[in-house]
C-alpha cells in the first residue's frame, strides 16, 4: 500500500508582470494557507517518507513550509526540475522512479498537471486542485513503478476555501 499527497503550491503573486513565472513568490494569503494545510495533513496522521517538489519559487516555498510543519528535514526535500510545467506522463514518470521503500510520498507541484494526475489515478474527474489544495490518495501497489497501472482510492481532498466554508456554515447554525 502506498499513499501519495498531491499538494498544489500556495497562492502566488502576479504583482510583477516582468517577473519570470518560475520566480513568482507566494502572496500573503499563500504564506498563510500553506501552514494551515500542512497542519490539516498532520491531523490526518500523514507523515511523508519523501517530499518531492518542483523547484519553482512558489512550489519550493510551499514545500519548505509544509516540510517544517510536518517535521520533515528540509535538507531531505528533493527538488526535481522536471516537475515544473509537468504533465501527467511526466509526473507518472517521476513517481515511477521513487524507491519502493517509500510508503508515503508528498508531491508539491502545479496545475494543470496535478489535477490531471489525480483524475487519471482516480479514474474520475476531481475538478480542480486549488492553490494550497491537498489530494490524498492510496494505491494498492508494492512499488512506485506500478503507479501508472493502478487506480487510486481517494483518502481526502482538502483546500483552504473548504475550511473557510465549513467554518461559516458552523457559525450560521
N, C-alpha and C. Protein backbone atom coordinates (compact mmCIF):
# COMPACT_ATOMS: atom_id res chain seq x y z
N UNK A 1 0.85 -1.18 0.00
CA UNK A 1 0.00 0.00 0.00
C UNK A 1 0.90 1.24 0.00
N UNK A 2 0.60 2.17 -0.88
CA UNK A 2 1.32 3.44 -0.98
C UNK A 2 0.32 4.58 -0.80
N UNK A 3 0.79 5.68 -0.24
CA UNK A 3 -0.02 6.88 -0.09
C UNK A 3 0.71 8.02 -0.79
N UNK A 4 -0.04 8.78 -1.57
CA UNK A 4 0.52 9.98 -2.19
C UNK A 4 -0.38 11.16 -1.86
N UNK A 5 0.25 12.25 -1.47
CA UNK A 5 -0.46 13.51 -1.28
C UNK A 5 0.01 14.46 -2.36
N UNK A 6 -0.92 14.83 -3.21
CA UNK A 6 -0.63 15.82 -4.25
C UNK A 6 -0.92 17.18 -3.65
N UNK A 7 0.09 18.02 -3.58
CA UNK A 7 -0.02 19.34 -2.95
C UNK A 7 0.23 20.40 -4.02
N UNK A 8 -0.79 21.18 -4.30
CA UNK A 8 -0.58 22.29 -5.23
C UNK A 8 0.05 23.45 -4.46
N UNK A 9 0.99 24.12 -5.09
CA UNK A 9 1.64 25.26 -4.43
C UNK A 9 0.59 26.25 -3.94
N UNK A 10 0.94 27.00 -2.90
CA UNK A 10 0.04 28.01 -2.35
C UNK A 10 -0.05 29.20 -3.31
N UNK A 11 -0.98 30.09 -3.01
CA UNK A 11 -1.27 31.25 -3.86
C UNK A 11 0.00 32.07 -4.12
N UNK A 12 0.22 32.36 -5.40
CA UNK A 12 1.41 33.10 -5.79
C UNK A 12 1.05 34.46 -6.37
N UNK A 13 2.04 35.32 -6.37
CA UNK A 13 1.84 36.72 -6.77
C UNK A 13 2.03 36.92 -8.27
N UNK A 14 1.18 37.77 -8.81
CA UNK A 14 1.29 38.23 -10.20
C UNK A 14 1.59 39.73 -10.22
N UNK A 15 2.04 40.28 -9.09
CA UNK A 15 2.26 41.72 -8.97
C UNK A 15 3.29 42.28 -9.94
N UNK A 16 4.31 41.51 -10.24
CA UNK A 16 5.38 41.98 -11.13
C UNK A 16 5.22 41.29 -12.49
N UNK A 17 4.65 41.98 -13.48
CA UNK A 17 4.41 41.35 -14.78
C UNK A 17 5.70 41.01 -15.53
N UNK A 18 6.81 41.59 -15.12
CA UNK A 18 8.08 41.31 -15.78
C UNK A 18 8.82 40.12 -15.16
N UNK A 19 8.35 39.64 -14.03
CA UNK A 19 9.00 38.54 -13.35
C UNK A 19 8.66 37.23 -14.06
N UNK A 20 9.68 36.46 -14.37
CA UNK A 20 9.50 35.15 -14.99
C UNK A 20 8.62 34.28 -14.11
N UNK A 21 7.72 33.52 -14.69
CA UNK A 21 6.77 32.67 -13.97
C UNK A 21 7.46 31.78 -12.94
N UNK A 22 8.61 31.25 -13.26
CA UNK A 22 9.35 30.35 -12.38
C UNK A 22 9.67 31.00 -11.04
N UNK A 23 9.87 32.31 -11.03
CA UNK A 23 10.34 33.01 -9.84
C UNK A 23 9.23 33.69 -9.03
N UNK A 24 7.97 33.52 -9.43
CA UNK A 24 6.89 34.19 -8.70
C UNK A 24 6.85 33.73 -7.24
N UNK A 25 6.77 34.68 -6.29
CA UNK A 25 6.74 34.33 -4.86
C UNK A 25 5.31 34.06 -4.39
N UNK A 26 5.21 33.60 -3.16
CA UNK A 26 3.90 33.43 -2.54
C UNK A 26 3.35 34.78 -2.11
N UNK A 27 2.03 34.89 -2.14
CA UNK A 27 1.36 36.08 -1.60
C UNK A 27 1.22 35.91 -0.09
N UNK A 28 0.72 36.93 0.56
CA UNK A 28 0.44 36.83 2.00
C UNK A 28 -0.56 35.70 2.25
N UNK A 29 -1.57 35.59 1.39
CA UNK A 29 -2.55 34.50 1.55
C UNK A 29 -1.87 33.14 1.39
N UNK A 30 -0.96 33.04 0.44
CA UNK A 30 -0.22 31.79 0.25
C UNK A 30 0.62 31.44 1.45
N UNK A 31 1.28 32.44 2.03
CA UNK A 31 2.10 32.21 3.23
C UNK A 31 1.23 31.82 4.43
N UNK A 32 -0.01 32.27 4.44
CA UNK A 32 -0.95 31.88 5.49
C UNK A 32 -1.50 30.47 5.26
N UNK A 33 -1.92 30.19 4.03
CA UNK A 33 -2.62 28.93 3.73
C UNK A 33 -1.71 27.70 3.77
N UNK A 34 -0.45 27.83 3.37
CA UNK A 34 0.44 26.66 3.33
C UNK A 34 0.58 25.99 4.70
N UNK A 35 0.85 26.74 5.77
CA UNK A 35 0.93 26.06 7.07
C UNK A 35 -0.41 25.53 7.57
N UNK A 36 -1.49 26.20 7.24
CA UNK A 36 -2.82 25.71 7.63
C UNK A 36 -3.06 24.34 7.01
N UNK A 37 -2.76 24.21 5.74
CA UNK A 37 -2.98 22.93 5.07
C UNK A 37 -2.00 21.87 5.55
N UNK A 38 -0.78 22.26 5.86
CA UNK A 38 0.19 21.30 6.41
C UNK A 38 -0.32 20.73 7.74
N UNK A 39 -0.87 21.59 8.58
CA UNK A 39 -1.43 21.12 9.85
C UNK A 39 -2.60 20.16 9.62
N UNK A 40 -3.40 20.44 8.60
CA UNK A 40 -4.53 19.55 8.32
C UNK A 40 -4.06 18.19 7.82
N UNK A 41 -2.96 18.16 7.09
CA UNK A 41 -2.37 16.87 6.67
C UNK A 41 -1.87 16.13 7.92
N UNK A 42 -1.19 16.85 8.79
CA UNK A 42 -0.67 16.27 10.03
C UNK A 42 -1.80 15.73 10.90
N UNK A 43 -2.92 16.44 10.97
CA UNK A 43 -4.08 15.98 11.75
C UNK A 43 -4.61 14.65 11.24
N UNK A 44 -4.37 14.36 9.98
CA UNK A 44 -4.81 13.09 9.40
C UNK A 44 -3.78 11.98 9.65
N UNK A 45 -2.70 12.32 10.34
CA UNK A 45 -1.68 11.33 10.67
C UNK A 45 -0.74 11.00 9.53
N UNK A 46 -0.71 11.87 8.53
CA UNK A 46 0.14 11.60 7.37
C UNK A 46 1.49 12.27 7.55
N UNK A 47 2.52 11.45 7.54
CA UNK A 47 3.90 11.91 7.61
C UNK A 47 4.64 11.33 6.42
N UNK A 48 5.26 12.17 5.61
CA UNK A 48 5.91 11.66 4.40
C UNK A 48 7.22 10.94 4.68
N UNK A 49 7.45 9.89 3.91
CA UNK A 49 8.76 9.27 3.86
C UNK A 49 9.65 10.05 2.89
N UNK A 50 9.00 10.71 1.93
CA UNK A 50 9.72 11.51 0.93
C UNK A 50 8.85 12.68 0.50
N UNK A 51 9.47 13.85 0.40
CA UNK A 51 8.79 15.04 -0.09
C UNK A 51 9.55 15.50 -1.33
N UNK A 52 8.85 15.52 -2.46
CA UNK A 52 9.43 15.91 -3.74
C UNK A 52 8.68 17.14 -4.24
N UNK A 53 9.42 18.12 -4.76
CA UNK A 53 8.80 19.37 -5.18
C UNK A 53 9.38 19.89 -6.48
N UNK A 54 8.55 20.62 -7.18
CA UNK A 54 9.02 21.46 -8.28
C UNK A 54 9.97 22.49 -7.67
N UNK A 55 11.01 22.89 -8.40
CA UNK A 55 11.91 23.91 -7.87
C UNK A 55 11.44 25.34 -8.07
N UNK A 56 10.30 25.54 -8.76
CA UNK A 56 9.79 26.90 -8.95
C UNK A 56 9.62 27.56 -7.59
N UNK A 57 9.88 28.85 -7.50
CA UNK A 57 9.89 29.56 -6.23
C UNK A 57 8.65 29.30 -5.39
N UNK A 58 7.46 29.41 -5.98
CA UNK A 58 6.22 29.26 -5.22
C UNK A 58 6.03 27.84 -4.71
N UNK A 59 6.43 26.84 -5.51
CA UNK A 59 6.33 25.44 -5.08
C UNK A 59 7.38 25.14 -4.01
N UNK A 60 8.59 25.62 -4.21
CA UNK A 60 9.67 25.38 -3.24
C UNK A 60 9.32 26.01 -1.89
N UNK A 61 8.77 27.22 -1.90
CA UNK A 61 8.38 27.87 -0.65
C UNK A 61 7.27 27.08 0.04
N UNK A 62 6.32 26.59 -0.74
CA UNK A 62 5.24 25.75 -0.18
C UNK A 62 5.83 24.48 0.40
N UNK A 63 6.72 23.82 -0.33
CA UNK A 63 7.32 22.57 0.13
C UNK A 63 8.09 22.77 1.43
N UNK A 64 8.85 23.85 1.51
CA UNK A 64 9.62 24.11 2.74
C UNK A 64 8.68 24.37 3.93
N UNK A 65 7.61 25.10 3.69
CA UNK A 65 6.64 25.37 4.76
C UNK A 65 5.98 24.08 5.23
N UNK A 66 5.53 23.28 4.28
CA UNK A 66 4.88 22.01 4.61
C UNK A 66 5.87 21.10 5.35
N UNK A 67 7.09 21.01 4.85
CA UNK A 67 8.10 20.17 5.50
C UNK A 67 8.31 20.59 6.95
N UNK A 68 8.43 21.89 7.17
CA UNK A 68 8.64 22.39 8.53
C UNK A 68 7.51 22.00 9.47
N UNK A 69 6.28 22.10 9.01
CA UNK A 69 5.13 21.78 9.85
C UNK A 69 4.95 20.27 10.05
N UNK A 70 5.46 19.48 9.11
CA UNK A 70 5.37 18.02 9.24
C UNK A 70 6.63 17.43 9.87
N UNK A 71 7.54 18.31 10.29
CA UNK A 71 8.81 17.90 10.89
C UNK A 71 9.63 17.03 9.94
N UNK A 72 9.50 17.31 8.67
CA UNK A 72 10.29 16.62 7.65
C UNK A 72 11.58 17.43 7.45
N UNK A 73 12.74 16.80 7.50
CA UNK A 73 14.00 17.55 7.38
C UNK A 73 14.12 18.31 6.06
N UNK A 74 14.34 19.62 6.16
CA UNK A 74 14.42 20.46 4.96
C UNK A 74 15.51 20.00 4.00
N UNK A 75 16.60 19.49 4.54
CA UNK A 75 17.69 19.05 3.66
C UNK A 75 17.34 17.79 2.88
N UNK A 76 16.25 17.11 3.26
CA UNK A 76 15.82 15.92 2.53
C UNK A 76 14.74 16.20 1.49
N UNK A 77 14.26 17.46 1.41
CA UNK A 77 13.29 17.81 0.37
C UNK A 77 14.01 17.66 -0.98
N UNK A 78 13.41 16.91 -1.87
CA UNK A 78 14.00 16.66 -3.19
C UNK A 78 13.34 17.59 -4.21
N UNK A 79 14.14 18.45 -4.84
CA UNK A 79 13.63 19.35 -5.86
C UNK A 79 13.97 18.77 -7.23
N UNK A 80 12.95 18.57 -8.06
CA UNK A 80 13.15 17.97 -9.38
C UNK A 80 12.67 18.93 -10.46
N UNK A 81 13.60 19.35 -11.30
CA UNK A 81 13.32 20.33 -12.36
C UNK A 81 12.18 19.88 -13.26
N UNK A 82 12.06 18.60 -13.51
CA UNK A 82 11.04 18.08 -14.41
C UNK A 82 9.62 18.24 -13.90
N UNK A 83 9.44 18.61 -12.63
CA UNK A 83 8.10 18.79 -12.09
C UNK A 83 7.52 20.16 -12.41
N UNK A 84 8.38 21.09 -12.82
CA UNK A 84 7.87 22.40 -13.22
C UNK A 84 7.26 22.26 -14.60
N UNK A 85 6.01 22.64 -14.74
CA UNK A 85 5.30 22.55 -16.01
C UNK A 85 5.10 21.10 -16.48
N UNK A 86 5.04 20.18 -15.52
CA UNK A 86 4.92 18.76 -15.84
C UNK A 86 3.49 18.38 -16.16
N UNK A 87 3.34 17.50 -17.14
CA UNK A 87 2.06 16.91 -17.47
C UNK A 87 1.91 15.57 -16.75
N UNK A 88 0.81 14.90 -16.99
CA UNK A 88 0.52 13.63 -16.33
C UNK A 88 1.63 12.62 -16.55
N UNK A 89 2.04 12.43 -17.79
CA UNK A 89 3.07 11.42 -18.07
C UNK A 89 4.40 11.77 -17.41
N UNK A 90 4.73 13.05 -17.35
CA UNK A 90 5.96 13.47 -16.65
C UNK A 90 5.86 13.13 -15.16
N UNK A 91 4.71 13.42 -14.57
CA UNK A 91 4.52 13.16 -13.14
C UNK A 91 4.53 11.66 -12.85
N UNK A 92 3.85 10.88 -13.68
CA UNK A 92 3.87 9.43 -13.50
C UNK A 92 5.29 8.89 -13.66
N UNK A 93 6.03 9.42 -14.62
CA UNK A 93 7.41 9.00 -14.82
C UNK A 93 8.27 9.30 -13.61
N UNK A 94 8.10 10.50 -13.04
CA UNK A 94 8.87 10.87 -11.85
C UNK A 94 8.50 9.98 -10.67
N UNK A 95 7.22 9.71 -10.51
CA UNK A 95 6.78 8.84 -9.41
C UNK A 95 7.30 7.42 -9.59
N UNK A 96 7.39 6.98 -10.82
CA UNK A 96 7.85 5.63 -11.11
C UNK A 96 9.30 5.38 -10.73
N UNK A 97 10.06 6.44 -10.49
CA UNK A 97 11.47 6.29 -10.10
C UNK A 97 11.67 6.34 -8.58
N UNK A 98 10.60 6.56 -7.84
CA UNK A 98 10.71 6.63 -6.37
C UNK A 98 11.04 5.25 -5.82
N UNK A 99 11.90 5.24 -4.83
CA UNK A 99 12.32 3.99 -4.21
C UNK A 99 11.12 3.25 -3.62
N UNK A 100 11.10 1.93 -3.75
CA UNK A 100 9.98 1.12 -3.27
C UNK A 100 9.79 1.22 -1.77
N UNK A 101 10.85 1.53 -1.02
CA UNK A 101 10.75 1.64 0.44
C UNK A 101 9.91 2.84 0.88
N UNK A 102 9.70 3.80 0.00
CA UNK A 102 8.89 4.98 0.33
C UNK A 102 7.43 4.57 0.36
N UNK A 103 6.82 4.69 1.52
CA UNK A 103 5.41 4.35 1.65
C UNK A 103 4.49 5.54 1.43
N UNK A 104 4.91 6.71 1.92
CA UNK A 104 4.10 7.92 1.80
C UNK A 104 4.91 9.00 1.11
N UNK A 105 4.37 9.49 0.01
CA UNK A 105 5.03 10.49 -0.82
C UNK A 105 4.19 11.76 -0.83
N UNK A 106 4.84 12.91 -0.60
CA UNK A 106 4.20 14.21 -0.82
C UNK A 106 4.83 14.80 -2.06
N UNK A 107 3.99 15.17 -3.00
CA UNK A 107 4.45 15.72 -4.27
C UNK A 107 3.89 17.13 -4.40
N UNK A 108 4.77 18.13 -4.40
CA UNK A 108 4.36 19.54 -4.48
C UNK A 108 4.59 20.04 -5.89
N UNK A 109 3.53 20.52 -6.52
CA UNK A 109 3.67 20.95 -7.90
C UNK A 109 2.62 21.94 -8.33
N UNK A 110 2.25 21.83 -9.60
CA UNK A 110 1.45 22.86 -10.27
C UNK A 110 0.27 22.24 -11.02
N UNK A 111 -0.71 23.08 -11.28
CA UNK A 111 -1.79 22.74 -12.20
C UNK A 111 -1.40 23.21 -13.58
N UNK A 112 -1.92 22.61 -14.62
CA UNK A 112 -2.99 21.60 -14.63
C UNK A 112 -2.50 20.18 -14.37
N UNK A 113 -1.19 19.98 -14.28
CA UNK A 113 -0.63 18.64 -14.14
C UNK A 113 -1.12 17.87 -12.93
N UNK A 114 -1.16 18.51 -11.75
CA UNK A 114 -1.57 17.78 -10.55
C UNK A 114 -3.03 17.34 -10.61
N UNK A 115 -3.90 18.22 -11.07
CA UNK A 115 -5.31 17.84 -11.17
C UNK A 115 -5.49 16.74 -12.20
N UNK A 116 -4.80 16.83 -13.31
CA UNK A 116 -4.88 15.79 -14.34
C UNK A 116 -4.36 14.46 -13.80
N UNK A 117 -3.32 14.51 -12.98
CA UNK A 117 -2.79 13.29 -12.38
C UNK A 117 -3.81 12.68 -11.42
N UNK A 118 -4.42 13.50 -10.58
CA UNK A 118 -5.46 12.99 -9.67
C UNK A 118 -6.60 12.35 -10.46
N UNK A 119 -7.04 13.03 -11.51
CA UNK A 119 -8.12 12.49 -12.36
C UNK A 119 -7.73 11.13 -12.94
N UNK A 120 -6.51 11.04 -13.43
CA UNK A 120 -6.03 9.80 -14.05
C UNK A 120 -5.96 8.67 -13.02
N UNK A 121 -5.40 8.96 -11.85
CA UNK A 121 -5.26 7.92 -10.84
C UNK A 121 -6.60 7.49 -10.26
N UNK A 122 -7.53 8.43 -10.12
CA UNK A 122 -8.84 8.11 -9.57
C UNK A 122 -9.78 7.50 -10.62
N UNK A 123 -9.55 7.83 -11.88
CA UNK A 123 -10.44 7.35 -12.93
C UNK A 123 -11.72 8.15 -13.04
N UNK A 124 -11.79 9.26 -12.33
CA UNK A 124 -12.93 10.17 -12.37
C UNK A 124 -12.40 11.60 -12.30
N UNK A 125 -13.15 12.57 -12.82
CA UNK A 125 -12.67 13.96 -12.72
C UNK A 125 -12.85 14.50 -11.30
N UNK A 126 -11.77 14.94 -10.71
CA UNK A 126 -11.80 15.52 -9.38
C UNK A 126 -12.33 16.95 -9.43
N UNK A 127 -12.09 17.61 -10.53
CA UNK A 127 -12.50 19.00 -10.69
C UNK A 127 -11.28 19.87 -10.81
N UNK A 128 -10.79 20.38 -9.69
CA UNK A 128 -9.63 21.26 -9.70
C UNK A 128 -9.00 21.24 -8.32
N UNK A 129 -7.69 21.04 -8.27
CA UNK A 129 -6.97 21.19 -7.01
C UNK A 129 -6.61 22.67 -6.93
N UNK A 130 -7.24 23.42 -6.04
CA UNK A 130 -6.94 24.85 -5.95
C UNK A 130 -5.60 25.10 -5.27
N UNK A 131 -5.16 26.34 -5.28
CA UNK A 131 -3.89 26.66 -4.64
C UNK A 131 -3.93 26.24 -3.17
N UNK A 132 -2.83 25.64 -2.73
CA UNK A 132 -2.64 25.09 -1.39
C UNK A 132 -3.54 23.88 -1.13
N UNK A 133 -4.22 23.38 -2.16
CA UNK A 133 -5.06 22.20 -2.01
C UNK A 133 -4.22 20.95 -1.89
N UNK A 134 -4.77 19.96 -1.18
CA UNK A 134 -4.09 18.69 -0.98
C UNK A 134 -5.07 17.56 -1.30
N UNK A 135 -4.62 16.65 -2.14
CA UNK A 135 -5.41 15.49 -2.50
C UNK A 135 -4.65 14.25 -2.04
N UNK A 136 -5.21 13.52 -1.08
CA UNK A 136 -4.58 12.32 -0.56
C UNK A 136 -5.16 11.09 -1.22
N UNK A 137 -4.29 10.24 -1.73
CA UNK A 137 -4.70 9.04 -2.45
C UNK A 137 -3.97 7.82 -1.89
N UNK A 138 -4.63 6.67 -1.91
CA UNK A 138 -3.95 5.42 -1.57
C UNK A 138 -3.95 4.53 -2.80
N UNK A 139 -2.87 3.81 -2.95
CA UNK A 139 -2.70 2.90 -4.08
C UNK A 139 -2.26 1.54 -3.56
N UNK A 140 -2.92 0.50 -4.03
CA UNK A 140 -2.57 -0.85 -3.63
C UNK A 140 -1.50 -1.38 -4.60
N UNK A 141 -0.28 -0.89 -4.40
CA UNK A 141 0.85 -1.28 -5.25
C UNK A 141 2.05 -1.59 -4.36
N UNK A 142 2.91 -2.51 -4.79
CA UNK A 142 4.09 -2.84 -3.99
C UNK A 142 5.23 -1.84 -4.18
N UNK A 143 5.26 -1.20 -5.34
CA UNK A 143 6.35 -0.28 -5.66
C UNK A 143 5.82 0.83 -6.58
N UNK A 144 6.49 1.97 -6.55
CA UNK A 144 6.03 3.15 -7.29
C UNK A 144 6.07 2.96 -8.80
N UNK A 145 6.87 2.04 -9.30
CA UNK A 145 6.92 1.85 -10.76
C UNK A 145 5.63 1.25 -11.31
N UNK A 146 4.71 0.85 -10.43
CA UNK A 146 3.41 0.31 -10.85
C UNK A 146 2.31 1.37 -10.80
N UNK A 147 2.66 2.61 -10.45
CA UNK A 147 1.65 3.64 -10.21
C UNK A 147 0.75 3.90 -11.42
N UNK A 148 1.29 3.85 -12.62
CA UNK A 148 0.52 4.17 -13.82
C UNK A 148 -0.50 3.08 -14.17
N UNK A 149 -0.37 1.90 -13.58
CA UNK A 149 -1.24 0.78 -13.93
C UNK A 149 -2.33 0.51 -12.90
N UNK A 150 -2.44 1.36 -11.89
CA UNK A 150 -3.36 1.08 -10.79
C UNK A 150 -4.26 2.27 -10.50
N UNK A 151 -5.53 2.01 -10.24
CA UNK A 151 -6.45 3.05 -9.80
C UNK A 151 -6.20 3.35 -8.33
N UNK A 152 -6.39 4.59 -7.96
CA UNK A 152 -6.21 5.01 -6.58
C UNK A 152 -7.55 5.18 -5.89
N UNK A 153 -7.51 5.16 -4.58
CA UNK A 153 -8.69 5.45 -3.76
C UNK A 153 -8.47 6.82 -3.13
N UNK A 154 -9.50 7.65 -3.16
CA UNK A 154 -9.42 8.98 -2.57
C UNK A 154 -9.51 8.87 -1.05
N UNK A 155 -8.48 9.34 -0.37
CA UNK A 155 -8.48 9.38 1.08
C UNK A 155 -9.10 10.68 1.59
N UNK A 156 -8.71 11.78 0.95
CA UNK A 156 -9.26 13.09 1.30
C UNK A 156 -8.91 14.09 0.22
N UNK A 157 -9.68 15.16 0.19
CA UNK A 157 -9.44 16.28 -0.71
C UNK A 157 -9.74 17.53 0.09
N UNK A 158 -8.73 18.33 0.34
CA UNK A 158 -8.89 19.48 1.22
C UNK A 158 -8.21 20.70 0.60
N UNK A 159 -8.76 21.84 0.90
CA UNK A 159 -8.21 23.09 0.36
C UNK A 159 -8.66 24.23 1.27
N UNK A 160 -7.94 25.36 1.24
CA UNK A 160 -8.21 26.45 2.18
C UNK A 160 -9.64 26.97 2.17
N UNK A 161 -10.25 27.17 1.02
CA UNK A 161 -11.61 27.70 0.98
C UNK A 161 -12.61 26.72 1.58
N UNK A 162 -12.32 25.43 1.49
CA UNK A 162 -13.20 24.43 2.10
C UNK A 162 -13.26 24.66 3.61
N UNK A 163 -12.12 24.95 4.19
CA UNK A 163 -12.06 25.24 5.62
C UNK A 163 -12.87 26.47 5.94
N UNK A 164 -12.74 27.51 5.13
CA UNK A 164 -13.48 28.75 5.37
C UNK A 164 -14.99 28.52 5.22
N UNK A 165 -15.40 27.73 4.24
CA UNK A 165 -16.81 27.43 4.03
C UNK A 165 -17.36 26.63 5.21
N UNK A 166 -16.63 25.60 5.66
CA UNK A 166 -17.09 24.80 6.80
C UNK A 166 -17.24 25.64 8.05
N UNK A 167 -16.31 26.55 8.28
CA UNK A 167 -16.36 27.45 9.44
C UNK A 167 -17.59 28.35 9.37
N UNK A 168 -17.85 28.92 8.19
CA UNK A 168 -19.00 29.79 8.01
C UNK A 168 -20.31 29.05 8.23
N UNK A 169 -20.39 27.81 7.76
CA UNK A 169 -21.60 27.01 7.94
C UNK A 169 -21.81 26.71 9.42
N UNK A 170 -20.74 26.35 10.14
CA UNK A 170 -20.87 26.07 11.58
C UNK A 170 -21.34 27.31 12.34
N UNK A 171 -20.81 28.47 11.98
CA UNK A 171 -21.20 29.71 12.66
C UNK A 171 -22.65 30.08 12.36
N UNK A 172 -23.14 29.73 11.17
CA UNK A 172 -24.51 30.07 10.79
C UNK A 172 -25.53 29.21 11.52
N UNK A 173 -25.11 28.05 12.00
CA UNK A 173 -26.06 27.12 12.68
C UNK A 173 -25.95 27.27 14.12
